[in-house]
Amino acid sequence: MTEIRASEIAEIRAPIERVFAYRLDFTNLPAYNPNVTNLRRVDAGSEPGPGAEYLFDLTLPGIEPMESPLRVIEADAPGRIVFETGPGYMAREVCVFTGKGEATHAEFTLTLTVPGEIDDATAELFHANTREQAQMELDLIKKALEK
């Protein structure tokens, strides 16, 4: 098993409560992740937060499309959200938000767990893709909330 970790940051011109709420409501996920389609909530709850579970179809370059679950593990308003996806390529993401007046500093740290051992070149490719994914999501969240 190989773990790959990457962090990306963004400054978003929106109040921390708004940024937190937008990220926690995973029905927004297809709006800021174009690799996600057919998102649906599968637990019995209706409010976003810990225990919320979703399924979605994930399409990544070079990997066959797959159905992926997402589970919200932790939500500490308005500063921290932790969620996991997997199985297969297991990913854990920690989102930390810090308010700066009417702006929010957002940091997403993803830890990808790849089954088996991988060589250095493959690890670097996964690391680059993980960073790119985090930055893309931050950029699209920023764009949506700064309108």
Protein backbone atom coordinates (compact mmCIF):
# COMPACT_ATOMS: atom_id res chain seq x y z
CA MET A 1 0.00 0.00 0.00
CA THR A 2 1.27 3.47 -0.91
CA GLU A 3 0.09 6.77 0.57
CA ILE A 4 0.30 9.96 -1.46
CA ARG A 5 -0.42 13.30 0.21
CA ALA A 6 -0.93 16.69 -1.40
CA SER A 7 -2.18 20.08 -0.18
CA GLU A 8 -3.47 23.09 -2.07
CA ILE A 9 -4.73 26.45 -0.86
CA ALA A 10 -6.92 29.29 -2.09
CA GLU A 11 -8.12 32.63 -0.84
CA ILE A 12 -11.86 32.92 -1.49
CA ARG A 13 -13.62 36.28 -1.30
CA ALA A 14 -16.62 34.98 0.64
CA PRO A 15 -17.40 34.63 4.36
CA ILE A 16 -16.12 31.48 6.04
CA GLU A 17 -19.66 30.28 6.90
CA ARG A 18 -20.67 30.41 3.23
CA VAL A 19 -17.53 28.59 2.03
CA PHE A 20 -17.93 25.92 4.73
CA ALA A 21 -21.62 25.36 3.94
CA TYR A 22 -20.98 25.13 0.19
CA ARG A 23 -18.24 22.52 0.61
CA LEU A 24 -20.19 20.52 3.18
CA ASP A 25 -23.22 20.24 0.90
CA PHE A 26 -21.86 17.55 -1.40
CA THR A 27 -24.80 17.92 -3.77
CA ASN A 28 -22.58 20.76 -5.09
CA LEU A 29 -19.77 18.31 -5.93
CA PRO A 30 -20.54 17.96 -9.67
CA ALA A 31 -20.41 21.78 -10.00
CA TYR A 32 -16.76 21.91 -8.94
CA ASN A 33 -15.57 18.47 -10.01
CA PRO A 34 -16.26 17.74 -13.68
CA ASN A 35 -15.13 14.12 -13.14
CA VAL A 36 -18.25 13.49 -11.02
CA THR A 37 -21.67 12.61 -12.43
CA ASN A 38 -24.82 10.91 -11.18
CA LEU A 39 -24.34 12.02 -7.56
CA ARG A 40 -27.00 10.78 -5.16
CA ARG A 41 -27.42 10.64 -1.40
CA VAL A 42 -27.77 7.08 -0.13
CA ASP A 43 -28.19 7.37 3.65
CA ALA A 44 -31.52 8.15 5.32
CA GLY A 45 -30.56 11.69 6.31
CA SER A 46 -31.35 14.96 4.61
CA GLU A 47 -28.96 17.45 6.24
CA PRO A 48 -25.30 17.70 5.23
CA GLY A 49 -22.75 16.72 7.86
CA PRO A 50 -21.18 13.75 9.61
CA GLY A 51 -22.75 10.47 8.58
CA ALA A 52 -23.95 11.74 5.21
CA GLU A 53 -23.22 9.18 2.49
CA TYR A 54 -23.29 9.61 -1.26
CA LEU A 55 -22.56 7.57 -4.37
CA PHE A 56 -21.33 9.06 -7.63
CA ASP A 57 -19.84 8.01 -10.92
CA LEU A 58 -16.19 8.99 -11.24
CA THR A 59 -14.33 9.28 -14.52
CA LEU A 60 -10.59 9.93 -14.37
CA PRO A 61 -8.14 10.04 -17.29
CA GLY A 62 -6.53 6.66 -17.89
CA ILE A 63 -8.77 4.85 -15.39
CA GLU A 64 -11.99 3.04 -16.19
CA PRO A 65 -15.12 4.85 -14.92
CA MET A 66 -16.19 3.63 -11.50
CA GLU A 67 -18.89 4.13 -8.92
CA SER A 68 -17.47 5.71 -5.79
CA PRO A 69 -18.90 6.28 -2.32
CA LEU A 70 -18.28 9.41 -0.27
CA ARG A 71 -18.74 9.52 3.50
CA VAL A 72 -18.61 12.67 5.63
CA ILE A 73 -16.58 11.78 8.72
CA GLU A 74 -16.32 15.13 10.49
CA ALA A 75 -17.76 18.62 10.19
CA ASP A 76 -16.66 21.22 12.72
CA ALA A 77 -18.38 24.45 11.60
CA PRO A 78 -17.06 26.62 10.20
CA GLY A 79 -13.46 25.46 10.23
CA ARG A 80 -13.02 21.81 9.23
CA ILE A 81 -14.56 19.05 7.10
CA VAL A 82 -13.19 15.52 6.75
CA PHE A 83 -14.53 13.02 4.24
CA GLU A 84 -13.46 9.77 2.61
CA THR A 85 -14.00 8.13 -0.75
CA GLY A 86 -13.25 4.60 -1.84
CA PRO A 87 -12.78 1.58 -1.89
CA GLY A 88 -10.22 0.91 -4.58
CA TYR A 89 -8.29 4.15 -4.56
CA MET A 90 -9.09 5.27 -1.03
CA ALA A 91 -8.91 9.00 -0.46
CA ARG A 92 -9.27 11.05 2.70
CA GLU A 93 -9.61 14.80 2.41
CA VAL A 94 -9.27 17.31 5.21
CA CYS A 95 -10.63 20.78 4.39
CA VAL A 96 -9.57 23.57 6.74
CA PHE A 97 -11.10 27.05 6.56
CA THR A 98 -9.83 30.18 8.27
CA GLY A 99 -11.84 33.38 8.19
CA LYS A 100 -10.11 36.59 7.18
CA GLY A 101 -12.81 39.25 7.44
CA GLU A 102 -15.04 38.82 4.40
CA ALA A 103 -12.60 36.31 2.87
CA THR A 104 -11.70 32.70 3.63
CA HIS A 105 -8.37 30.92 3.48
CA ALA A 106 -9.13 27.35 2.34
CA GLU A 107 -6.67 24.46 2.45
CA PHE A 108 -7.49 21.02 1.09
CA THR A 109 -5.19 18.14 2.04
CA LEU A 110 -5.79 14.88 0.23
CA THR A 111 -4.29 11.55 1.20
CA LEU A 112 -4.64 8.94 -1.52
CA THR A 113 -4.05 5.31 -0.56
CA VAL A 114 -3.12 3.17 -3.54
CA PRO A 115 -3.32 -0.62 -3.17
CA GLY A 116 0.04 -2.36 -3.55
CA GLU A 117 3.45 -0.87 -4.13
CA ILE A 118 4.10 1.56 -6.99
CA ASP A 119 7.30 2.83 -8.55
CA ASP A 120 8.59 6.39 -8.11
CA ALA A 121 7.38 7.57 -11.52
CA THR A 122 3.85 6.33 -10.85
CA ALA A 123 3.90 7.84 -7.37
CA GLU A 124 4.92 11.20 -8.85
CA LEU A 125 2.12 10.97 -11.42
CA PHE A 126 -0.43 10.23 -8.69
CA HIS A 127 0.96 13.11 -6.59
CA ALA A 128 0.71 15.56 -9.50
CA ASN A 129 -2.83 14.41 -10.31
CA THR A 130 -3.87 14.66 -6.66
CA ARG A 131 -2.56 18.24 -6.41
CA GLU A 132 -4.21 19.13 -9.72
CA GLN A 133 -7.53 17.72 -8.49
CA ALA A 134 -7.41 19.68 -5.23
CA GLN A 135 -6.49 22.92 -6.99
CA MET A 136 -9.20 22.46 -9.63
CA GLU A 137 -11.84 22.01 -6.94
CA LEU A 138 -10.62 25.05 -5.01
CA ASP A 139 -10.56 27.18 -8.16
CA LEU A 140 -14.10 26.16 -9.15
CA ILE A 141 -15.44 26.68 -5.62
CA LYS A 142 -13.80 30.11 -5.61
CA LYS A 143 -15.39 30.93 -8.98
CA ALA A 144 -18.85 29.82 -7.79
CA LEU A 145 -18.74 31.74 -4.51
CA GLU A 146 -17.15 34.95 -5.79
CA LYS A 147 -19.91 35.65 -8.31
